[in-house]
C-alpha atoms as a PDB file:
ATOM      1  CA  UNK A   1    -263.274  98.769 -52.054  1.00  0.00           C
ATOM      2  CA  UNK A   2    -259.698  98.347 -51.337  1.00  0.00           C
ATOM      3  CA  UNK A   3    -257.562  97.396 -53.240  1.00  0.00           C
ATOM      4  CA  UNK A   4    -256.199  94.655 -52.326  1.00  0.00           C
ATOM      5  CA  UNK A   5    -259.951  92.635 -52.513  1.00  0.00           C
ATOM      6  CA  UNK A   6    -259.587  93.651 -56.680  1.00  0.00           C
ATOM      7  CA  UNK A   7    -257.565  90.341 -58.017  1.00  0.00           C
ATOM      8  CA  UNK A   8    -259.607  88.286 -55.147  1.00  0.00           C
ATOM      9  CA  UNK A   9    -263.243  90.123 -56.813  1.00  0.00           C
ATOM     10  CA  UNK A  10    -261.781  89.678 -60.567  1.00  0.00           C
ATOM     11  CA  UNK A  11    -260.969  85.804 -60.516  1.00  0.00           C
ATOM     12  CA  UNK A  12    -263.798  85.614 -58.448  1.00  0.00           C
ATOM     13  CA  UNK A  13    -265.805  87.048 -61.562  1.00  0.00           C
ATOM     14  CA  UNK A  14    -264.076  85.282 -63.865  1.00  0.00           C
ATOM     15  CA  UNK A  15    -264.991  81.719 -62.409  1.00  0.00           C
ATOM     16  CA  UNK A  16    -268.744  82.551 -62.569  1.00  0.00           C
ATOM     17  CA  UNK A  17    -268.588  83.671 -66.068  1.00  0.00           C
ATOM     18  CA  UNK A  18    -266.533  80.784 -67.188  1.00  0.00           C
ATOM     19  CA  UNK A  19    -268.967  78.505 -65.245  1.00  0.00           C
ATOM     20  CA  UNK A  20    -271.756  80.748 -66.844  1.00  0.00           C
ATOM     21  CA  UNK A  21    -270.599  80.492 -70.372  1.00  0.00           C
ATOM     22  CA  UNK A  22    -269.412  76.228 -70.110  1.00  0.00           C
ATOM     23  CA  UNK A  23    -273.068  76.135 -69.014  1.00  0.00           C
ATOM     24  CA  UNK A  24    -274.588  78.490 -71.285  1.00  0.00           C
ATOM     25  CA  UNK A  25    -272.497  75.762 -74.153  1.00  0.00           C
ATOM     26  CA  UNK A  26    -273.648  72.655 -72.942  1.00  0.00           C
ATOM     27  CA  UNK A  27    -277.186  73.916 -72.789  1.00  0.00           C
ATOM     28  CA  UNK A  28    -276.727  74.727 -76.592  1.00  0.00           C
ATOM     29  CA  UNK A  29    -274.968  71.340 -77.602  1.00  0.00           C
ATOM     30  CA  UNK A  30    -277.904  69.379 -75.778  1.00  0.00           C
END
């Protein structure tokens, strides 16, 4: 994988991870 794609992949994974965590927390609270 090209090195210039790493920040993009990392950012994308971070957004997806945060979204999943938020959905999980929302489901747990409700």
